[in-house]
């Protein structure tokens, strides 16, 4: 399939001066996840999104249920070679992607040889396109039979996951440069067991949420051992959503305390449980949270916002990188991006965030790479198809990929390994 050349950017990008060079060997990439781009599989999420309760909830909100069904997603399952070619056009030297557990083990103890071979071909194709591979093993979705057994609230699920990990390492280990065992574990816990807006759709189930929390930590720690048993020099980590929490008033001790409390329970607590079994830290940064002492405890200025109403706050990535540096581990920014359907802010967003990343490196943070979310517009979980995070626009009817102007900006940065001065 022919692809258009990258267009000239339509945004006015003020690049910091002088040019800011990144370390030699820095990873420049884009990120995708299995279910969000592949779709077409039966798992716990696909069953939940079509459940009567979910459909009824969407209709009650006046929403069209079909806009919240993943379906074939981006057809990445068949078009992965074309998409790796798009990565090359972006001058990427790495890709973050995932494998779908439900494809590989559709029934308990039943391995799908065709699916196993498929992912081997995907990883081989990534290498053929000159891309280092950051492979995610669990990006929120699990086989439907796992859900029927109680999901991650059942401690027996850990052993099932470890069996899957062992197979994945044996099958794909030579093609993987970095392993991400878990993606953003706190998000599906909060969505699925507190808010009820993701599988299994429970609300205020704090006891089960705690069980899932500790089971996921146990799963990572044991998976780390399995991966290193097969590959002694493997690089293993997680990708954690790491918000920048700061008090609205730095002089007000109550808000200072609340900001620290939010940061501890949202991200640091999980790190403390697994920090001895991390070779690197994967950082997903999207949010700034200005904490006040009264409900709903968040009061951002929102001078600039994404299409989802998230405040654009580039300085926050500097703050969280400096905070993570205390763990004395290499850091890879495994996701950073925004919903911007008109592409009016994405180019400047990338430049400003990378400016702050460079400042953090200069201040001592050992940052090894940056992966923009996302390569393509994809299925955005409980937000459906409306948010547009892609450097490439997706036509859902034809699956045609069209580069947005910001793609050229990112491609130039990746090519030069630096932010150029004007």
Protein backbone atom coordinates (compact mmCIF):
# COMPACT_ATOMS: atom_id res chain seq x y z
CA UNK A 1 0.00 0.00 0.00
CA UNK A 2 1.39 3.42 -0.91
CA UNK A 3 1.88 5.92 1.89
CA UNK A 4 1.89 9.65 1.51
CA UNK A 5 5.05 11.51 2.35
CA UNK A 6 4.99 13.33 5.64
CA UNK A 7 3.40 16.77 5.20
CA UNK A 8 4.84 20.08 6.26
CA UNK A 9 3.88 20.96 9.82
CA UNK A 10 0.97 23.33 10.26
CA UNK A 11 1.90 24.27 13.81
CA UNK A 12 4.30 26.98 14.79
CA UNK A 13 6.98 25.19 16.78
CA UNK A 14 9.28 27.28 18.92
CA UNK A 15 12.31 25.06 19.42
CA UNK A 16 14.52 25.74 22.43
CA UNK A 17 17.88 27.28 21.57
CA UNK A 18 20.61 26.21 21.40
CA UNK A 19 20.14 22.71 20.00
CA UNK A 20 19.65 20.11 22.71
CA UNK A 21 21.46 16.86 21.95
CA UNK A 22 20.28 13.58 23.49
CA UNK A 23 22.62 10.79 24.59
CA UNK A 24 24.14 8.50 21.99
CA UNK A 25 22.01 5.40 21.50
CA UNK A 26 18.88 7.11 22.80
CA UNK A 27 15.74 5.14 21.96
CA UNK A 28 13.31 7.04 19.76
CA UNK A 29 10.04 5.26 19.22
CA UNK A 30 6.29 5.09 19.24
CA UNK A 31 4.06 2.90 21.36
CA UNK A 32 1.06 0.71 20.61
CA UNK A 33 -0.74 -1.95 22.63
CA UNK A 34 -2.08 -5.30 21.48
CA UNK A 35 -5.83 -5.00 22.04
CA UNK A 36 -6.04 -1.31 21.16
CA UNK A 37 -4.58 -1.88 17.70
CA UNK A 38 -5.33 -5.55 16.96
CA UNK A 39 -8.85 -6.03 18.33
CA UNK A 40 -10.58 -9.09 16.90
CA UNK A 41 -10.16 -11.34 19.93
CA UNK A 42 -12.27 -12.63 22.80
CA UNK A 43 -10.88 -11.48 26.14
CA UNK A 44 -12.19 -9.98 29.37
CA UNK A 45 -12.43 -6.48 27.86
CA UNK A 46 -14.19 -7.54 24.65
CA UNK A 47 -16.78 -9.40 26.72
CA UNK A 48 -17.29 -6.50 29.13
CA UNK A 49 -17.62 -3.80 26.45
CA UNK A 50 -20.52 -5.71 24.84
CA UNK A 51 -22.21 -6.70 28.09
CA UNK A 52 -25.84 -5.62 28.65
CA UNK A 53 -24.85 -3.52 31.66
CA UNK A 54 -22.19 -1.65 29.68
CA UNK A 55 -24.51 -1.07 26.70
CA UNK A 56 -27.27 0.16 28.99
CA UNK A 57 -24.88 2.55 30.72
CA UNK A 58 -23.74 4.06 27.42
CA UNK A 59 -27.30 4.50 26.17
CA UNK A 60 -28.27 6.14 29.44
CA UNK A 61 -25.52 8.70 28.80
CA UNK A 62 -26.84 9.29 25.29
CA UNK A 63 -23.81 7.64 23.69
CA UNK A 64 -23.67 5.31 20.70
CA UNK A 65 -22.46 1.87 21.93
CA UNK A 66 -20.76 1.06 18.62
CA UNK A 67 -18.36 3.95 19.26
CA UNK A 68 -17.15 2.04 22.33
CA UNK A 69 -16.61 -1.36 20.72
CA UNK A 70 -13.04 -2.20 19.72
CA UNK A 71 -13.93 -4.49 16.80
CA UNK A 72 -10.95 -5.02 14.49
CA UNK A 73 -9.29 -1.92 15.97
CA UNK A 74 -6.57 -0.70 13.55
CA UNK A 75 -6.11 -4.09 11.87
CA UNK A 76 -2.53 -4.03 13.14
CA UNK A 77 -2.71 -7.82 13.39
CA UNK A 78 -2.51 -8.01 9.59
CA UNK A 79 -0.87 -4.66 8.78
CA UNK A 80 2.04 -4.73 11.23
CA UNK A 81 4.68 -4.66 8.48
CA UNK A 82 3.14 -1.53 6.98
CA UNK A 83 3.07 0.06 10.41
CA UNK A 84 6.72 -0.78 11.06
CA UNK A 85 7.44 0.97 7.77
CA UNK A 86 5.65 4.02 9.19
CA UNK A 87 7.99 3.83 12.17
CA UNK A 88 10.90 3.96 9.75
CA UNK A 89 9.42 7.09 8.16
CA UNK A 90 9.43 8.61 11.63
CA UNK A 91 13.13 7.71 11.91
CA UNK A 92 12.32 5.54 14.92
CA UNK A 93 14.90 3.05 16.12
CA UNK A 94 12.50 1.28 18.51
CA UNK A 95 8.90 0.18 18.92
CA UNK A 96 6.88 -0.61 22.01
CA UNK A 97 4.20 -3.21 21.34
CA UNK A 98 2.44 -6.07 23.10
CA UNK A 99 1.28 -9.62 22.73
CA UNK A 100 -2.28 -10.68 23.52
CA UNK A 101 -2.44 -13.40 26.18
CA UNK A 102 -5.99 -14.34 25.09
CA UNK A 103 -4.77 -15.19 21.58
CA UNK A 104 -1.93 -17.35 22.83
CA UNK A 105 -3.92 -19.17 25.52
CA UNK A 106 -7.61 -18.93 24.52
CA UNK A 107 -8.56 -21.70 26.97
CA UNK A 108 -6.85 -22.73 30.18
CA UNK A 109 -3.74 -24.75 29.31
CA UNK A 110 -4.47 -24.63 25.56
CA UNK A 111 -1.77 -22.98 23.49
CA UNK A 112 -2.66 -21.61 20.06
CA UNK A 113 0.31 -22.50 17.86
CA UNK A 114 -0.83 -20.20 15.04
CA UNK A 115 -0.95 -17.21 17.39
CA UNK A 116 2.44 -18.09 18.89
CA UNK A 117 3.97 -18.26 15.43
CA UNK A 118 2.24 -15.03 14.40
CA UNK A 119 3.86 -13.02 17.18
CA UNK A 120 7.22 -14.55 16.35
CA UNK A 121 6.77 -13.18 12.81
CA UNK A 122 5.73 -9.77 14.16
CA UNK A 123 8.86 -9.47 16.29
CA UNK A 124 11.06 -10.68 13.42
CA UNK A 125 9.51 -8.02 11.17
CA UNK A 126 10.24 -5.33 13.75
CA UNK A 127 13.89 -6.37 13.71
CA UNK A 128 13.93 -6.39 9.91
CA UNK A 129 12.77 -2.78 10.03
CA UNK A 130 15.67 -1.86 12.32
CA UNK A 131 13.58 -1.48 15.48
CA UNK A 132 14.57 -2.46 18.98
CA UNK A 133 11.65 -4.17 20.71
CA UNK A 134 10.08 -3.15 23.99
CA UNK A 135 7.55 -5.94 24.58
CA UNK A 136 4.59 -5.59 26.93
CA UNK A 137 3.27 -8.85 28.37
CA UNK A 138 0.12 -7.53 30.09
CA UNK A 139 -1.58 -4.36 28.88
CA UNK A 140 -4.82 -4.68 30.89
CA UNK A 141 -6.45 -7.53 28.97
CA UNK A 142 -6.65 -11.17 30.06
CA UNK A 143 -8.27 -14.28 28.57
CA UNK A 144 -12.02 -14.58 29.19
CA UNK A 145 -11.44 -17.77 31.18
CA UNK A 146 -9.28 -15.78 33.61
CA UNK A 147 -12.23 -13.45 34.28
CA UNK A 148 -14.47 -16.43 34.93
CA UNK A 149 -11.99 -17.68 37.52
CA UNK A 150 -12.21 -14.39 39.44
CA UNK A 151 -9.68 -12.37 37.48
CA UNK A 152 -6.67 -10.86 39.19
CA UNK A 153 -8.48 -10.85 42.53
CA UNK A 154 -7.87 -14.63 42.60
CA UNK A 155 -4.27 -15.33 43.69
CA UNK A 156 -4.27 -18.48 41.50
CA UNK A 157 -4.22 -16.19 38.46
CA UNK A 158 -0.61 -15.32 39.23
CA UNK A 159 0.51 -18.88 38.44
CA UNK A 160 -1.47 -18.83 35.17
CA UNK A 161 0.20 -15.55 34.18
CA UNK A 162 3.65 -16.91 35.03
CA UNK A 163 3.03 -19.93 32.80
CA UNK A 164 2.21 -17.52 29.97
CA UNK A 165 5.33 -15.46 30.73
CA UNK A 166 7.52 -18.57 30.67
CA UNK A 167 6.20 -19.52 27.25
CA UNK A 168 6.63 -15.99 25.91
CA UNK A 169 10.23 -15.80 27.07
CA UNK A 170 11.09 -19.18 25.55
CA UNK A 171 9.42 -18.29 22.26
CA UNK A 172 10.41 -14.64 21.84
CA UNK A 173 13.31 -13.94 24.17
CA UNK A 174 15.98 -13.56 21.52
CA UNK A 175 13.91 -10.88 19.72
CA UNK A 176 13.16 -8.73 22.78
CA UNK A 177 15.39 -5.89 23.99
CA UNK A 178 13.25 -4.70 26.93
CA UNK A 179 10.47 -6.50 28.77
CA UNK A 180 7.51 -4.64 30.27
CA UNK A 181 5.72 -7.16 32.49
CA UNK A 182 2.78 -4.90 33.41
CA UNK A 183 1.34 -1.69 32.00
CA UNK A 184 -0.06 0.89 34.42
CA UNK A 185 -1.32 -1.58 37.05
CA UNK A 186 -3.03 1.13 39.11
CA UNK A 187 -5.36 2.16 36.27
CA UNK A 188 -7.29 -1.10 35.79
CA UNK A 189 -7.44 -1.47 39.57
CA UNK A 190 -9.05 1.95 39.95
CA UNK A 191 -11.26 1.64 36.90
CA UNK A 192 -12.29 -1.97 37.40
CA UNK A 193 -12.76 -2.17 41.17
CA UNK A 194 -13.37 1.39 42.40
CA UNK A 195 -15.04 3.35 39.59
CA UNK A 196 -16.61 0.39 37.78
CA UNK A 197 -15.76 1.76 34.32
CA UNK A 198 -13.64 -1.20 33.15
CA UNK A 199 -13.68 -4.98 33.61
CA UNK A 200 -14.93 -6.44 35.88
CA UNK A 201 -17.07 -3.32 36.41
CA UNK A 202 -17.16 -3.34 40.22
CA UNK A 203 -17.64 -0.18 42.28
CA UNK A 204 -16.02 0.60 45.63
CA UNK A 205 -14.74 -2.96 45.99
CA UNK A 206 -11.73 -1.90 48.03
CA UNK A 207 -10.93 -5.35 49.38
CA UNK A 208 -10.77 -6.89 45.92
CA UNK A 209 -8.81 -3.89 44.64
CA UNK A 210 -6.20 -4.54 47.34
CA UNK A 211 -6.03 -8.23 46.38
CA UNK A 212 -5.47 -7.32 42.72
CA UNK A 213 -2.80 -4.79 43.73
CA UNK A 214 -0.72 -7.33 45.64
CA UNK A 215 -1.31 -10.09 43.08
CA UNK A 216 0.00 -7.87 40.30
CA UNK A 217 3.07 -6.96 42.36
CA UNK A 218 3.66 -10.65 43.05
CA UNK A 219 3.20 -11.43 39.35
CA UNK A 220 5.83 -8.89 38.33
CA UNK A 221 8.36 -10.07 40.90
CA UNK A 222 8.00 -13.70 39.85
CA UNK A 223 7.96 -12.85 36.14
CA UNK A 224 11.22 -10.96 36.64
CA UNK A 225 12.81 -14.14 37.99
CA UNK A 226 11.49 -16.23 35.11
CA UNK A 227 12.79 -13.85 32.45
CA UNK A 228 16.22 -13.68 34.09
CA UNK A 229 16.33 -17.44 34.46
CA UNK A 230 16.23 -17.73 30.68
CA UNK A 231 18.17 -14.53 29.85
CA UNK A 232 20.58 -13.43 32.55
CA UNK A 233 21.18 -10.00 30.99
CA UNK A 234 17.52 -9.26 30.21
CA UNK A 235 16.18 -5.77 30.86
CA UNK A 236 12.90 -6.07 32.76
CA UNK A 237 10.61 -3.35 34.11
CA UNK A 238 7.04 -2.10 34.23
CA UNK A 239 5.34 0.89 32.61
CA UNK A 240 3.75 2.95 35.36
CA UNK A 241 1.39 5.88 34.91
CA UNK A 242 3.22 8.55 36.88
CA UNK A 243 1.31 11.76 37.46
CA UNK A 244 2.90 14.94 38.72
CA UNK A 245 1.17 15.63 42.03
CA UNK A 246 1.88 19.00 43.57
CA UNK A 247 0.13 21.02 46.27
CA UNK A 248 -1.89 23.97 45.03
CA UNK A 249 -0.23 25.99 47.80
CA UNK A 250 3.27 24.87 48.72
CA UNK A 251 3.09 26.73 52.03
CA UNK A 252 -0.10 24.93 53.17
CA UNK A 253 1.02 21.78 54.99
CA UNK A 254 -2.36 20.01 54.52
CA UNK A 255 -2.14 20.25 50.72
CA UNK A 256 1.54 19.30 50.81
CA UNK A 257 0.58 16.20 52.80
CA UNK A 258 -2.30 15.34 50.47
CA UNK A 259 -0.07 15.66 47.38
CA UNK A 260 2.47 13.29 48.91
CA UNK A 261 -0.28 10.89 49.93
CA UNK A 262 -1.72 10.83 46.41
CA UNK A 263 1.73 10.23 44.92
CA UNK A 264 2.48 7.42 47.36
CA UNK A 265 -0.71 5.44 46.78
CA UNK A 266 -0.94 6.20 43.06
CA UNK A 267 2.60 5.19 42.14
CA UNK A 268 5.32 4.97 44.79
CA UNK A 269 3.79 2.16 46.87
CA UNK A 270 3.83 -0.21 43.90
CA UNK A 271 7.42 0.74 43.10
CA UNK A 272 8.50 0.00 46.68
CA UNK A 273 7.06 -3.53 46.37
CA UNK A 274 9.00 -4.31 43.20
CA UNK A 275 12.05 -2.02 43.24
CA UNK A 276 14.49 -4.88 43.84
CA UNK A 277 13.27 -6.52 40.66
CA UNK A 278 13.50 -3.67 38.20
CA UNK A 279 16.25 -3.25 35.64
CA UNK A 280 14.63 -0.09 34.34
CA UNK A 281 11.57 2.05 35.08
CA UNK A 282 9.01 2.66 32.35
CA UNK A 283 7.33 6.05 32.73
CA UNK A 284 3.94 6.89 31.20
CA UNK A 285 3.33 10.61 31.69
CA UNK A 286 0.12 12.41 30.79
CA UNK A 287 -1.25 14.20 33.84
CA UNK A 288 -0.55 17.09 36.13
CA UNK A 289 -2.57 17.14 39.35
CA UNK A 290 -2.71 20.30 41.44
CA UNK A 291 -3.96 19.07 44.79
CA UNK A 292 -6.26 20.99 47.13
CA UNK A 293 -7.53 19.92 50.54
CA UNK A 294 -11.22 19.74 49.62
CA UNK A 295 -13.14 17.43 47.23
CA UNK A 296 -12.59 16.55 44.46
CA UNK A 297 -9.01 17.36 45.62
CA UNK A 298 -7.81 18.38 42.16
CA UNK A 299 -7.88 21.94 40.88
CA UNK A 300 -5.73 22.50 37.81
CA UNK A 301 -5.45 25.83 36.05
CA UNK A 302 -6.10 24.18 32.64
CA UNK A 303 -4.64 27.03 30.62
CA UNK A 304 -4.02 24.49 27.84
CA UNK A 305 -5.93 21.23 27.54
CA UNK A 306 -6.11 18.19 25.29
CA UNK A 307 -9.34 17.06 23.66
CA UNK A 308 -9.97 14.97 26.79
CA UNK A 309 -9.69 18.02 29.03
CA UNK A 310 -6.32 16.92 30.42
CA UNK A 311 -4.09 19.83 31.33
CA UNK A 312 -0.99 20.16 29.16
CA UNK A 313 1.84 20.64 31.63
CA UNK A 314 5.29 19.84 30.17
CA UNK A 315 7.16 20.81 33.34
CA UNK A 316 5.49 17.88 35.07
CA UNK A 317 7.57 15.33 33.16
CA UNK A 318 10.73 16.96 34.52
CA UNK A 319 9.38 16.71 38.06
CA UNK A 320 8.43 13.03 37.82
CA UNK A 321 11.75 12.12 36.17
CA UNK A 322 13.65 13.75 39.03
CA UNK A 323 11.41 11.94 41.52
CA UNK A 324 12.03 8.58 39.81
CA UNK A 325 15.78 9.20 39.63
CA UNK A 326 16.01 8.44 43.35
CA UNK A 327 15.43 4.75 42.58
CA UNK A 328 18.82 4.74 40.80
CA UNK A 329 17.46 2.89 37.76
CA UNK A 330 17.54 3.72 34.04
CA UNK A 331 14.28 5.31 32.90
CA UNK A 332 12.49 4.85 29.60
CA UNK A 333 9.54 7.11 28.81
CA UNK A 334 7.26 4.36 27.53
CA UNK A 335 4.28 6.66 26.80
CA UNK A 336 3.74 10.40 26.40
CA UNK A 337 1.14 12.02 24.18
CA UNK A 338 -2.21 13.76 23.97
CA UNK A 339 -5.62 13.54 22.35
CA UNK A 340 -5.59 16.20 19.63
CA UNK A 341 -7.83 15.42 16.67
CA UNK A 342 -6.93 18.64 14.82
CA UNK A 343 -3.20 18.26 15.52
CA UNK A 344 -3.02 21.85 16.66
CA UNK A 345 -0.98 21.21 19.79
CA UNK A 346 0.85 17.90 19.29
CA UNK A 347 4.00 19.27 17.65
CA UNK A 348 4.54 21.86 20.36
CA UNK A 349 3.59 19.27 23.00
CA UNK A 350 6.38 16.95 21.82
CA UNK A 351 8.97 19.73 21.71
CA UNK A 352 8.12 21.15 25.13
CA UNK A 353 8.05 17.74 26.82
CA UNK A 354 11.36 16.72 25.24
CA UNK A 355 12.86 20.03 26.32
CA UNK A 356 11.94 19.10 29.91
CA UNK A 357 13.24 15.54 29.41
CA UNK A 358 16.57 17.01 28.31
CA UNK A 359 16.64 19.24 31.39
CA UNK A 360 16.03 16.19 33.59
CA UNK A 361 18.90 14.32 31.89
CA UNK A 362 21.15 17.32 32.51
CA UNK A 363 20.07 17.25 36.16
CA UNK A 364 21.12 13.60 36.52
CA UNK A 365 18.10 11.49 35.52
CA UNK A 366 19.27 8.45 33.56
CA UNK A 367 16.72 8.61 30.74
CA UNK A 368 17.41 6.11 27.95
CA UNK A 369 14.49 6.61 25.56
CA UNK A 370 11.20 8.25 24.58
CA UNK A 371 8.15 6.54 23.05
CA UNK A 372 5.36 8.77 21.82
CA UNK A 373 1.79 7.58 22.35
CA UNK A 374 0.69 6.70 19.83
CA UNK A 375 1.79 5.64 16.39
CA UNK A 376 -1.87 5.42 15.29
CA UNK A 377 -5.26 6.59 16.38
CA UNK A 378 -6.49 3.54 18.26
CA UNK A 379 -9.23 2.25 20.52
CA UNK A 380 -8.96 4.24 23.75
CA UNK A 381 -10.52 1.79 26.20
CA UNK A 382 -13.61 3.12 28.00
CA UNK A 383 -13.31 6.40 26.06
CA UNK A 384 -13.92 4.55 22.81
CA UNK A 385 -12.87 5.86 19.43
CA UNK A 386 -13.30 9.61 19.96
CA UNK A 387 -9.83 10.50 21.34
CA UNK A 388 -7.17 10.84 18.64
CA UNK A 389 -3.66 10.20 19.98
CA UNK A 390 -1.99 9.12 16.73
CA UNK A 391 0.85 10.64 14.79
CA UNK A 392 -1.01 8.88 11.98
CA UNK A 393 -4.73 9.43 11.46
CA UNK A 394 -6.74 6.23 11.05
CA UNK A 395 -9.71 5.85 8.73
CA UNK A 396 -11.81 3.25 10.53
CA UNK A 397 -13.56 2.14 7.36
CA UNK A 398 -10.53 1.65 5.09
CA UNK A 399 -7.79 1.41 7.78
CA UNK A 400 -5.85 3.96 5.77
CA UNK A 401 -3.09 5.66 7.75
CA UNK A 402 -2.45 9.35 7.02
CA UNK A 403 0.44 11.25 8.67
CA UNK A 404 -0.45 14.28 10.70
CA UNK A 405 1.77 17.40 10.46
CA UNK A 406 3.24 16.65 13.91
CA UNK A 407 4.68 13.41 12.49
CA UNK A 408 7.22 15.48 10.52
CA UNK A 409 8.25 17.35 13.66
CA UNK A 410 8.82 14.13 15.57
CA UNK A 411 10.59 12.49 12.62
CA UNK A 412 13.11 15.34 12.45
CA UNK A 413 13.84 15.11 16.17
CA UNK A 414 14.37 11.35 15.91
CA UNK A 415 16.58 11.71 12.83
CA UNK A 416 18.83 14.31 14.46
CA UNK A 417 18.78 12.88 18.01
CA UNK A 418 18.27 16.43 19.23
CA UNK A 419 15.95 19.42 19.34
CA UNK A 420 17.17 21.88 16.77
CA UNK A 421 17.38 25.61 17.39
CA UNK A 422 15.67 27.84 14.83
